[in-house]
Amino acid sequence: MSKKTITITSIIIVLIVVIASAYFFYFNPQVCPVGYVEFDGALSRVCVAKYEMRKGANGQAVSQPQGLPWTMVKLKEAIAACQKNGERYDLISNEIWTLVARDIASVPENWSSGAEYVGRLNVGHANKSPNAPLAASTNDQDACFGLTEKCSQSVWSFFRRTHVLPNNVVIWDLSGNVAEWIKDTSPLLNTDNHVAFSLVKFNNPPFSRFGPTTNCDNPELSNMFCGFGAFKNAKVAHKNGICRGGHWEQGSPDVSGVFATAINLNIWDRDKHLGFRCVYRPLEGITSVRDLITRLRN
């Protein structure tokens, strides 16, 4: 092989490495986009929006702390706004929401006692003070941002707006502020329900799709029903849309919470209390520049 051929081959290899490196560090589809946090659940890895979605300049959904949550959207409009960001984006599913909520319940820092399932979980902005939705803070330590309460990641409050996942990332307003559309719909149930999750048998349908797997030490009203939130269902035809989390005006002890579920929505409705949250699914199998080079060569 001539020196010229070797030189050209070396240049090509260098170019491949440079391009692959740039792709990996700036456009890597396995890394969570800005404004999203990594969630490792029973499903494949997924990135969940850190914040409730805001409306972008081009009608796409944006996860950022600034501005008020995007509300007054129908279910299909929320799905379209997420998917407008790209082919790997979508509206959060009920399964992912429930898994994230269960992960939150497994983290001691999210409990009033500092021990998992002892005391109660915080429920976020759910006390009408102020009586409006709020922007979030760029500083996760400012966890009661916009509220009269004072708290931080280390100082617990029942109305703290943040929760910590097991990988130590912070997510905002999964409970309270605005309720959030879920991509799933539900078949019409045969009964009307409004019951605190702490008072039901978790393994029984329909609660098993939405609730925790373990109860807290005191599931009664005196402990605000563990801060789990309520399951609400209305036996009304065509009202099979689902929202989760509760909103700022649902201040009664059993309503808002990370497990809170309402199956009584018309999917064509718009509501000032109702927003949404997107997810992003990273590509699997790419963990290094070497993996990228291998894929490019193949």
C-alpha atoms as a PDB file:
ATOM      1  CA  MET A   1       0.000   0.000   0.000  1.00  0.00           C
ATOM      2  CA  SER A   2       1.442   3.373  -1.004  1.00  0.00           C
ATOM      3  CA  LYS A   3       2.039   6.228   1.389  1.00  0.00           C
ATOM      4  CA  LYS A   4      -0.584   8.261  -0.495  1.00  0.00           C
ATOM      5  CA  THR A   5      -3.209   5.552   0.049  1.00  0.00           C
ATOM      6  CA  ILE A   6      -2.298   5.315   3.736  1.00  0.00           C
ATOM      7  CA  THR A   7      -2.566   9.103   4.090  1.00  0.00           C
ATOM      8  CA  ILE A   8      -6.010   9.218   2.433  1.00  0.00           C
ATOM      9  CA  THR A   9      -7.206   6.318   4.587  1.00  0.00           C
ATOM     10  CA  SER A  10      -5.918   8.067   7.737  1.00  0.00           C
ATOM     11  CA  ILE A  11      -7.680  11.287   6.763  1.00  0.00           C
ATOM     12  CA  ILE A  12     -10.953   9.420   6.205  1.00  0.00           C
ATOM     13  CA  ILE A  13     -10.632   7.712   9.601  1.00  0.00           C
ATOM     14  CA  VAL A  14      -9.940  11.043  11.299  1.00  0.00           C
ATOM     15  CA  LEU A  15     -12.955  12.599   9.584  1.00  0.00           C
ATOM     16  CA  ILE A  16     -15.159   9.713  10.690  1.00  0.00           C
ATOM     17  CA  VAL A  17     -13.956  10.111  14.283  1.00  0.00           C
ATOM     18  CA  VAL A  18     -14.516  13.891  14.218  1.00  0.00           C
ATOM     19  CA  ILE A  19     -17.999  13.592  12.723  1.00  0.00           C
ATOM     20  CA  ALA A  20     -18.956  10.766  15.071  1.00  0.00           C
ATOM     21  CA  SER A  21     -17.638  12.681  18.078  1.00  0.00           C
ATOM     22  CA  ALA A  22     -19.591  15.790  17.122  1.00  0.00           C
ATOM     23  CA  TYR A  23     -22.713  13.710  16.627  1.00  0.00           C
ATOM     24  CA  PHE A  24     -22.269  11.946  19.950  1.00  0.00           C
ATOM     25  CA  PHE A  25     -21.580  15.002  22.066  1.00  0.00           C
ATOM     26  CA  TYR A  26     -23.998  17.402  20.393  1.00  0.00           C
ATOM     27  CA  PHE A  27     -26.685  15.347  18.687  1.00  0.00           C
ATOM     28  CA  ASN A  28     -26.544  11.984  20.428  1.00  0.00           C
ATOM     29  CA  PRO A  29     -30.105  10.572  20.260  1.00  0.00           C
ATOM     30  CA  GLN A  30     -29.432   8.450  23.331  1.00  0.00           C
ATOM     31  CA  VAL A  31     -28.823  11.459  25.587  1.00  0.00           C
ATOM     32  CA  CYS A  32     -31.885  13.217  26.994  1.00  0.00           C
ATOM     33  CA  PRO A  33     -32.706  16.511  25.267  1.00  0.00           C
ATOM     34  CA  VAL A  34     -32.409  19.780  27.161  1.00  0.00           C
ATOM     35  CA  GLY A  35     -35.330  20.076  29.573  1.00  0.00           C
ATOM     36  CA  TYR A  36     -35.779  16.298  29.932  1.00  0.00           C
ATOM     37  CA  VAL A  37     -34.600  13.922  32.670  1.00  0.00           C
ATOM     38  CA  GLU A  38     -33.611  10.293  32.343  1.00  0.00           C
ATOM     39  CA  PHE A  39     -35.918   7.692  33.798  1.00  0.00           C
ATOM     40  CA  ASP A  40     -34.809   4.065  34.119  1.00  0.00           C
ATOM     41  CA  GLY A  41     -37.943   2.069  34.758  1.00  0.00           C
ATOM     42  CA  ALA A  42     -39.143  -1.421  34.015  1.00  0.00           C
ATOM     43  CA  LEU A  43     -39.519  -0.276  30.414  1.00  0.00           C
ATOM     44  CA  SER A  44     -36.653   0.699  28.122  1.00  0.00           C
ATOM     45  CA  ARG A  45     -34.920   3.963  28.994  1.00  0.00           C
ATOM     46  CA  VAL A  46     -37.044   7.027  28.450  1.00  0.00           C
ATOM     47  CA  CYS A  47     -36.541  10.748  28.928  1.00  0.00           C
ATOM     48  CA  VAL A  48     -39.400  12.537  30.681  1.00  0.00           C
ATOM     49  CA  ALA A  49     -39.954  16.290  30.440  1.00  0.00           C
ATOM     50  CA  LYS A  50     -38.613  17.895  33.598  1.00  0.00           C
ATOM     51  CA  TYR A  51     -41.325  20.569  33.449  1.00  0.00           C
ATOM     52  CA  GLU A  52     -44.910  20.807  32.301  1.00  0.00           C
ATOM     53  CA  MET A  53     -44.898  21.810  28.663  1.00  0.00           C
ATOM     54  CA  ARG A  54     -44.800  25.397  27.454  1.00  0.00           C
ATOM     55  CA  LYS A  55     -45.868  26.537  23.978  1.00  0.00           C
ATOM     56  CA  GLY A  56     -42.946  27.038  21.604  1.00  0.00           C
ATOM     57  CA  ALA A  57     -42.750  29.651  18.871  1.00  0.00           C
ATOM     58  CA  ASN A  58     -43.606  27.126  16.151  1.00  0.00           C
ATOM     59  CA  GLY A  59     -46.390  25.372  18.028  1.00  0.00           C
ATOM     60  CA  GLN A  60     -44.181  22.625  19.426  1.00  0.00           C
ATOM     61  CA  ALA A  61     -44.150  21.653  23.100  1.00  0.00           C
ATOM     62  CA  VAL A  62     -41.143  22.955  25.059  1.00  0.00           C
ATOM     63  CA  SER A  63     -39.956  21.755  28.479  1.00  0.00           C
ATOM     64  CA  GLN A  64     -38.613  24.800  30.290  1.00  0.00           C
ATOM     65  CA  PRO A  65     -39.141  26.547  33.639  1.00  0.00           C
ATOM     66  CA  GLN A  66     -39.938  29.973  32.185  1.00  0.00           C
ATOM     67  CA  GLY A  67     -43.506  30.891  31.328  1.00  0.00           C
ATOM     68  CA  LEU A  68     -46.815  29.343  32.310  1.00  0.00           C
ATOM     69  CA  PRO A  69     -47.816  25.780  31.414  1.00  0.00           C
ATOM     70  CA  TRP A  70     -49.550  25.318  28.067  1.00  0.00           C
ATOM     71  CA  THR A  71     -53.214  24.670  28.827  1.00  0.00           C
ATOM     72  CA  MET A  72     -56.513  24.807  26.935  1.00  0.00           C
ATOM     73  CA  VAL A  73     -55.456  21.986  24.596  1.00  0.00           C
ATOM     74  CA  LYS A  74     -57.415  18.933  23.474  1.00  0.00           C
ATOM     75  CA  LEU A  75     -55.845  15.504  23.857  1.00  0.00           C
ATOM     76  CA  LYS A  76     -55.038  15.178  20.146  1.00  0.00           C
ATOM     77  CA  GLU A  77     -53.473  18.664  20.186  1.00  0.00           C
ATOM     78  CA  ALA A  78     -51.221  17.700  23.099  1.00  0.00           C
ATOM     79  CA  ILE A  79     -50.106  14.565  21.235  1.00  0.00           C
ATOM     80  CA  ALA A  80     -49.387  16.587  18.088  1.00  0.00           C
ATOM     81  CA  ALA A  81     -47.441  19.248  20.014  1.00  0.00           C
ATOM     82  CA  CYS A  82     -45.140  16.604  21.500  1.00  0.00           C
ATOM     83  CA  GLN A  83     -44.661  14.768  18.219  1.00  0.00           C
ATOM     84  CA  LYS A  84     -43.845  18.021  16.431  1.00  0.00           C
ATOM     85  CA  ASN A  85     -40.458  17.941  18.196  1.00  0.00           C
ATOM     86  CA  GLY A  86     -39.403  14.830  16.225  1.00  0.00           C
ATOM     87  CA  GLU A  87     -40.095  11.173  15.604  1.00  0.00           C
ATOM     88  CA  ARG A  88     -38.899   9.989  19.029  1.00  0.00           C
ATOM     89  CA  TYR A  89     -41.156  12.365  20.990  1.00  0.00           C
ATOM     90  CA  ASP A  90     -44.656  11.608  22.252  1.00  0.00           C
ATOM     91  CA  LEU A  91     -47.178  12.438  24.956  1.00  0.00           C
ATOM     92  CA  ILE A  92     -46.499  10.569  28.196  1.00  0.00           C
ATOM     93  CA  SER A  93     -48.359   7.268  28.568  1.00  0.00           C
ATOM     94  CA  ASN A  94     -50.184   6.119  31.665  1.00  0.00           C
ATOM     95  CA  GLU A  95     -47.699   3.278  32.145  1.00  0.00           C
ATOM     96  CA  ILE A  96     -44.706   5.621  32.186  1.00  0.00           C
ATOM     97  CA  TRP A  97     -46.492   8.087  34.495  1.00  0.00           C
ATOM     98  CA  THR A  98     -47.339   5.354  36.996  1.00  0.00           C
ATOM     99  CA  LEU A  99     -43.791   3.970  36.954  1.00  0.00           C
ATOM    100  CA  VAL A 100     -42.339   7.443  37.540  1.00  0.00           C
ATOM    101  CA  ALA A 101     -44.792   8.020  40.417  1.00  0.00           C
ATOM    102  CA  ARG A 102     -43.823   4.687  41.991  1.00  0.00           C
ATOM    103  CA  ASP A 103     -40.155   5.602  41.668  1.00  0.00           C
ATOM    104  CA  ILE A 104     -40.859   8.915  43.396  1.00  0.00           C
ATOM    105  CA  ALA A 105     -42.559   7.024  46.241  1.00  0.00           C
ATOM    106  CA  SER A 106     -39.437   4.873  46.636  1.00  0.00           C
ATOM    107  CA  VAL A 107     -37.162   7.857  47.372  1.00  0.00           C
ATOM    108  CA  PRO A 108     -36.938   8.805  51.093  1.00  0.00           C
ATOM    109  CA  GLU A 109     -36.322  12.505  50.356  1.00  0.00           C
ATOM    110  CA  ASN A 110     -39.824  12.828  48.931  1.00  0.00           C
ATOM    111  CA  TRP A 111     -41.449  11.832  52.231  1.00  0.00           C
ATOM    112  CA  SER A 112     -42.217  14.094  55.188  1.00  0.00           C
ATOM    113  CA  SER A 113     -40.361  11.751  57.556  1.00  0.00           C
ATOM    114  CA  GLY A 114     -37.302  11.234  55.360  1.00  0.00           C
ATOM    115  CA  ALA A 115     -38.147   7.514  55.218  1.00  0.00           C
ATOM    116  CA  GLU A 116     -40.030   5.891  52.351  1.00  0.00           C
ATOM    117  CA  TYR A 117     -43.721   5.157  53.002  1.00  0.00           C
ATOM    118  CA  VAL A 118     -43.578   6.847  56.402  1.00  0.00           C
ATOM    119  CA  GLY A 119     -45.548  10.088  56.640  1.00  0.00           C
ATOM    120  CA  ARG A 120     -46.710  11.569  53.354  1.00  0.00           C
ATOM    121  CA  LEU A 121     -45.503  12.659  49.932  1.00  0.00           C
ATOM    122  CA  ASN A 122     -45.531  16.333  48.954  1.00  0.00           C
ATOM    123  CA  VAL A 123     -48.321  17.339  46.547  1.00  0.00           C
ATOM    124  CA  GLY A 124     -46.978  20.521  44.944  1.00  0.00           C
ATOM    125  CA  HIS A 125     -48.968  23.666  44.154  1.00  0.00           C
ATOM    126  CA  ALA A 126     -52.388  22.402  45.200  1.00  0.00           C
ATOM    127  CA  ASN A 127     -53.695  24.866  47.772  1.00  0.00           C
ATOM    128  CA  LYS A 128     -54.994  27.840  45.710  1.00  0.00           C
ATOM    129  CA  SER A 129     -52.202  29.997  47.084  1.00  0.00           C
ATOM    130  CA  PRO A 130     -51.875  31.663  44.663  1.00  0.00           C
ATOM    131  CA  ASN A 131     -55.072  30.773  42.822  1.00  0.00           C
ATOM    132  CA  ALA A 132     -53.346  30.410  39.447  1.00  0.00           C
ATOM    133  CA  PRO A 133     -50.797  28.177  37.714  1.00  0.00           C
ATOM    134  CA  LEU A 134     -47.135  29.037  38.129  1.00  0.00           C
ATOM    135  CA  ALA A 135     -43.904  29.095  36.193  1.00  0.00           C
ATOM    136  CA  ALA A 136     -41.048  27.002  37.627  1.00  0.00           C
ATOM    137  CA  SER A 137     -37.580  28.044  38.767  1.00  0.00           C
ATOM    138  CA  THR A 138     -34.264  27.467  37.027  1.00  0.00           C
ATOM    139  CA  ASN A 139     -32.917  26.591  40.479  1.00  0.00           C
ATOM    140  CA  ASP A 140     -34.110  23.204  41.751  1.00  0.00           C
ATOM    141  CA  GLN A 141     -33.329  24.331  45.295  1.00  0.00           C
ATOM    142  CA  ASP A 142     -36.089  26.923  44.967  1.00  0.00           C
ATOM    143  CA  ALA A 143     -38.606  24.105  45.253  1.00  0.00           C
ATOM    144  CA  CYS A 144     -41.494  26.248  46.574  1.00  0.00           C
ATOM    145  CA  PHE A 145     -41.043  28.849  43.826  1.00  0.00           C
ATOM    146  CA  GLY A 146     -44.064  31.161  43.601  1.00  0.00           C
ATOM    147  CA  LEU A 147     -45.663  29.855  46.814  1.00  0.00           C
ATOM    148  CA  THR A 148     -46.004  31.448  50.236  1.00  0.00           C
ATOM    149  CA  GLU A 149     -44.297  28.385  51.753  1.00  0.00           C
ATOM    150  CA  LYS A 150     -40.524  28.177  51.999  1.00  0.00           C
ATOM    151  CA  CYS A 151     -38.744  24.958  51.150  1.00  0.00           C
ATOM    152  CA  SER A 152     -35.806  23.462  49.246  1.00  0.00           C
ATOM    153  CA  GLN A 153     -34.590  20.040  48.214  1.00  0.00           C
ATOM    154  CA  SER A 154     -33.451  19.518  51.809  1.00  0.00           C
ATOM    155  CA  VAL A 155     -36.331  21.318  53.569  1.00  0.00           C
ATOM    156  CA  TRP A 156     -39.599  19.423  53.069  1.00  0.00           C
ATOM    157  CA  SER A 157     -43.010  21.041  52.625  1.00  0.00           C
ATOM    158  CA  PHE A 158     -46.344  19.399  51.824  1.00  0.00           C
ATOM    159  CA  PHE A 159     -46.626  21.849  48.930  1.00  0.00           C
ATOM    160  CA  ARG A 160     -43.073  21.453  47.621  1.00  0.00           C
ATOM    161  CA  ARG A 161     -43.254  21.433  43.828  1.00  0.00           C
ATOM    162  CA  THR A 162     -40.351  19.097  43.084  1.00  0.00           C
ATOM    163  CA  HIS A 163     -39.703  15.382  43.484  1.00  0.00           C
ATOM    164  CA  VAL A 164     -36.469  13.428  43.237  1.00  0.00           C
ATOM    165  CA  LEU A 165     -36.081  10.261  41.149  1.00  0.00           C
ATOM    166  CA  PRO A 166     -33.839   7.367  42.256  1.00  0.00           C
ATOM    167  CA  ASN A 167     -31.048   8.579  39.919  1.00  0.00           C
ATOM    168  CA  ASN A 168     -31.065  11.906  41.841  1.00  0.00           C
ATOM    169  CA  VAL A 169     -32.580  14.013  39.058  1.00  0.00           C
ATOM    170  CA  VAL A 170     -35.354  16.473  39.913  1.00  0.00           C
ATOM    171  CA  ILE A 171     -38.738  16.717  38.207  1.00  0.00           C
ATOM    172  CA  TRP A 172     -41.185  19.613  38.633  1.00  0.00           C
ATOM    173  CA  ASP A 173     -44.969  19.664  39.131  1.00  0.00           C
ATOM    174  CA  LEU A 174     -45.758  15.989  38.577  1.00  0.00           C
ATOM    175  CA  SER A 175     -48.300  16.709  41.294  1.00  0.00           C
ATOM    176  CA  GLY A 176     -50.276  19.944  41.344  1.00  0.00           C
ATOM    177  CA  ASN A 177     -49.954  23.176  39.351  1.00  0.00           C
ATOM    178  CA  VAL A 178     -51.864  21.901  36.291  1.00  0.00           C
ATOM    179  CA  ALA A 179     -53.308  18.440  35.716  1.00  0.00           C
ATOM    180  CA  GLU A 180     -51.811  16.630  32.722  1.00  0.00           C
ATOM    181  CA  TRP A 181     -53.239  14.695  29.784  1.00  0.00           C
ATOM    182  CA  ILE A 182     -52.193  11.060  29.352  1.00  0.00           C
ATOM    183  CA  LYS A 183     -52.016   9.580  25.845  1.00  0.00           C
ATOM    184  CA  ASP A 184     -54.107   6.562  26.911  1.00  0.00           C
ATOM    185  CA  THR A 185     -57.866   6.579  27.090  1.00  0.00           C
ATOM    186  CA  SER A 186     -59.927   4.266  29.275  1.00  0.00           C
ATOM    187  CA  PRO A 187     -62.967   2.079  28.576  1.00  0.00           C
ATOM    188  CA  LEU A 188     -66.123   3.210  30.325  1.00  0.00           C
ATOM    189  CA  LEU A 189     -66.127   1.881  33.880  1.00  0.00           C
ATOM    190  CA  ASN A 190     -69.336   0.649  35.435  1.00  0.00           C
ATOM    191  CA  THR A 191     -69.209   2.688  38.615  1.00  0.00           C
ATOM    192  CA  ASP A 192     -68.619   6.222  39.801  1.00  0.00           C
ATOM    193  CA  ASN A 193     -65.589   6.531  42.059  1.00  0.00           C
ATOM    194  CA  HIS A 194     -63.919   9.220  44.118  1.00  0.00           C
ATOM    195  CA  VAL A 195     -61.617   7.583  46.597  1.00  0.00           C
ATOM    196  CA  ALA A 196     -58.177   8.240  48.053  1.00  0.00           C
ATOM    197  CA  PHE A 197     -55.563   5.817  46.718  1.00  0.00           C
ATOM    198  CA  SER A 198     -54.404   5.094  50.268  1.00  0.00           C
ATOM    199  CA  LEU A 199     -57.823   3.578  51.033  1.00  0.00           C
ATOM    200  CA  VAL A 200     -58.084   1.087  48.164  1.00  0.00           C
ATOM    201  CA  LYS A 201     -56.623  -2.339  47.423  1.00  0.00           C
ATOM    202  CA  PHE A 202     -53.841  -1.479  45.029  1.00  0.00           C
ATOM    203  CA  ASN A 203     -53.760  -4.811  43.223  1.00  0.00           C
ATOM    204  CA  ASN A 204     -57.443  -4.715  42.276  1.00  0.00           C
ATOM    205  CA  PRO A 205     -58.622  -3.248  38.964  1.00  0.00           C
ATOM    206  CA  PRO A 206     -58.953  -0.487  38.038  1.00  0.00           C
ATOM    207  CA  PHE A 207     -56.553   0.858  40.663  1.00  0.00           C
ATOM    208  CA  SER A 208     -53.606  -1.380  39.762  1.00  0.00           C
ATOM    209  CA  ARG A 209     -52.938   0.587  36.553  1.00  0.00           C
ATOM    210  CA  PHE A 210     -52.660   3.908  38.343  1.00  0.00           C
ATOM    211  CA  GLY A 211     -51.690   3.556  41.993  1.00  0.00           C
ATOM    212  CA  PRO A 212     -48.764   2.667  44.240  1.00  0.00           C
ATOM    213  CA  THR A 213     -47.754  -0.853  45.172  1.00  0.00           C
ATOM    214  CA  THR A 214     -47.180  -0.124  48.880  1.00  0.00           C
ATOM    215  CA  ASN A 215     -49.188   1.909  51.386  1.00  0.00           C
ATOM    216  CA  CYS A 216     -47.814   4.419  53.837  1.00  0.00           C
ATOM    217  CA  ASP A 217     -47.780   3.854  57.588  1.00  0.00           C
ATOM    218  CA  ASN A 218     -50.896   5.982  58.177  1.00  0.00           C
ATOM    219  CA  PRO A 219     -53.282   6.003  55.195  1.00  0.00           C
ATOM    220  CA  GLU A 220     -56.016   8.065  56.890  1.00  0.00           C
ATOM    221  CA  LEU A 221     -57.215  11.657  56.540  1.00  0.00           C
ATOM    222  CA  SER A 222     -55.109  12.710  59.542  1.00  0.00           C
ATOM    223  CA  ASN A 223     -52.051  11.993  57.351  1.00  0.00           C
ATOM    224  CA  MET A 224     -53.560  13.578  54.233  1.00  0.00           C
ATOM    225  CA  PHE A 225     -54.053  10.091  52.749  1.00  0.00           C
ATOM    226  CA  CYS A 226     -50.265   9.704  52.323  1.00  0.00           C
ATOM    227  CA  GLY A 227     -50.221  12.487  49.719  1.00  0.00           C
ATOM    228  CA  PHE A 228     -50.995   9.866  47.063  1.00  0.00           C
ATOM    229  CA  GLY A 229     -53.980  11.674  45.560  1.00  0.00           C
ATOM    230  CA  ALA A 230     -57.388  10.385  44.508  1.00  0.00           C
ATOM    231  CA  PHE A 231     -58.856   8.097  41.885  1.00  0.00           C
ATOM    232  CA  LYS A 232     -61.867   9.731  40.210  1.00  0.00           C
ATOM    233  CA  ASN A 233     -64.104   8.149  37.616  1.00  0.00           C
ATOM    234  CA  ALA A 234     -67.442   9.276  36.239  1.00  0.00           C
ATOM    235  CA  LYS A 235     -69.722   6.747  34.569  1.00  0.00           C
ATOM    236  CA  VAL A 236     -70.507   9.002  31.622  1.00  0.00           C
ATOM    237  CA  ALA A 237     -70.318   7.931  27.984  1.00  0.00           C
ATOM    238  CA  HIS A 238     -67.658   9.665  25.866  1.00  0.00           C
ATOM    239  CA  LYS A 239     -65.760  10.867  28.940  1.00  0.00           C
ATOM    240  CA  ASN A 240     -62.853   8.434  28.782  1.00  0.00           C
ATOM    241  CA  GLY A 241     -59.906  10.835  28.697  1.00  0.00           C
ATOM    242  CA  ILE A 242     -57.367  10.527  31.521  1.00  0.00           C
ATOM    243  CA  CYS A 243     -55.430  13.203  33.377  1.00  0.00           C
ATOM    244  CA  ARG A 244     -52.952  12.739  36.198  1.00  0.00           C
ATOM    245  CA  GLY A 245     -51.471  14.726  39.075  1.00  0.00           C
ATOM    246  CA  GLY A 246     -54.250  17.128  40.036  1.00  0.00           C
ATOM    247  CA  HIS A 247     -54.092  20.932  39.779  1.00  0.00           C
ATOM    248  CA  TRP A 248     -53.692  24.078  41.851  1.00  0.00           C
ATOM    249  CA  GLU A 249     -57.382  24.369  42.807  1.00  0.00           C
ATOM    250  CA  GLN A 250     -57.707  20.786  44.016  1.00  0.00           C
ATOM    251  CA  GLY A 251     -56.650  21.493  47.559  1.00  0.00           C
ATOM    252  CA  SER A 252     -58.732  18.925  49.426  1.00  0.00           C
ATOM    253  CA  PRO A 253     -56.468  16.358  51.095  1.00  0.00           C
ATOM    254  CA  ASP A 254     -57.240  13.404  48.840  1.00  0.00           C
ATOM    255  CA  VAL A 255     -57.221  14.962  45.362  1.00  0.00           C
ATOM    256  CA  SER A 256     -53.766  16.050  44.148  1.00  0.00           C
ATOM    257  CA  GLY A 257     -50.737  13.770  44.277  1.00  0.00           C
ATOM    258  CA  VAL A 258     -48.319  11.961  41.984  1.00  0.00           C
ATOM    259  CA  PHE A 259     -50.797   9.062  41.702  1.00  0.00           C
ATOM    260  CA  ALA A 260     -53.894  11.258  41.300  1.00  0.00           C
ATOM    261  CA  THR A 261     -56.044  10.043  38.402  1.00  0.00           C
ATOM    262  CA  ALA A 262     -59.202  11.414  36.819  1.00  0.00           C
ATOM    263  CA  ILE A 263     -61.019   9.318  34.204  1.00  0.00           C
ATOM    264  CA  ASN A 264     -63.854  11.688  33.503  1.00  0.00           C
ATOM    265  CA  LEU A 265     -62.603  13.886  30.676  1.00  0.00           C
ATOM    266  CA  ASN A 266     -64.001  14.435  27.225  1.00  0.00           C
ATOM    267  CA  ILE A 267     -60.975  14.157  24.913  1.00  0.00           C
ATOM    268  CA  TRP A 268     -62.319  17.091  22.904  1.00  0.00           C
ATOM    269  CA  ASP A 269     -62.420  19.397  25.930  1.00  0.00           C
ATOM    270  CA  ARG A 270     -60.100  22.316  26.607  1.00  0.00           C
ATOM    271  CA  ASP A 271     -59.602  23.395  30.214  1.00  0.00           C
ATOM    272  CA  LYS A 272     -57.531  26.055  31.943  1.00  0.00           C
ATOM    273  CA  HIS A 273     -56.501  23.503  34.573  1.00  0.00           C
ATOM    274  CA  LEU A 274     -55.242  20.931  32.063  1.00  0.00           C
ATOM    275  CA  GLY A 275     -51.778  20.787  30.481  1.00  0.00           C
ATOM    276  CA  PHE A 276     -49.478  17.959  29.424  1.00  0.00           C
ATOM    277  CA  ARG A 277     -45.965  16.472  29.528  1.00  0.00           C
ATOM    278  CA  CYS A 278     -43.908  14.897  26.732  1.00  0.00           C
ATOM    279  CA  VAL A 279     -41.427  12.026  26.667  1.00  0.00           C
ATOM    280  CA  TYR A 280     -38.480  11.212  24.401  1.00  0.00           C
ATOM    281  CA  ARG A 281     -37.276   7.681  23.653  1.00  0.00           C
ATOM    282  CA  PRO A 282     -33.491   7.491  23.130  1.00  0.00           C
ATOM    283  CA  LEU A 283     -31.932   5.077  20.670  1.00  0.00           C
ATOM    284  CA  GLU A 284     -30.652   1.926  22.293  1.00  0.00           C
ATOM    285  CA  GLY A 285     -27.176   0.453  21.855  1.00  0.00           C
ATOM    286  CA  ILE A 286     -25.111   3.641  21.407  1.00  0.00           C
ATOM    287  CA  THR A 287     -23.045   4.419  24.484  1.00  0.00           C
ATOM    288  CA  SER A 288     -19.758   5.688  23.019  1.00  0.00           C
ATOM    289  CA  VAL A 289     -18.097   7.244  19.981  1.00  0.00           C
ATOM    290  CA  ARG A 290     -16.766   3.757  19.118  1.00  0.00           C
ATOM    291  CA  ASP A 291     -20.342   2.472  18.897  1.00  0.00           C
ATOM    292  CA  LEU A 292     -21.196   5.320  16.560  1.00  0.00           C
ATOM    293  CA  ILE A 293     -18.180   4.655  14.326  1.00  0.00           C
ATOM    294  CA  THR A 294     -19.137   0.981  14.129  1.00  0.00           C
ATOM    295  CA  ARG A 295     -22.690   1.888  13.152  1.00  0.00           C
ATOM    296  CA  LEU A 296     -21.443   4.366  10.521  1.00  0.00           C
ATOM    297  CA  ARG A 297     -19.117   1.750   9.014  1.00  0.00           C
ATOM    298  CA  ASN A 298     -21.958  -0.759   8.816  1.00  0.00           C
END
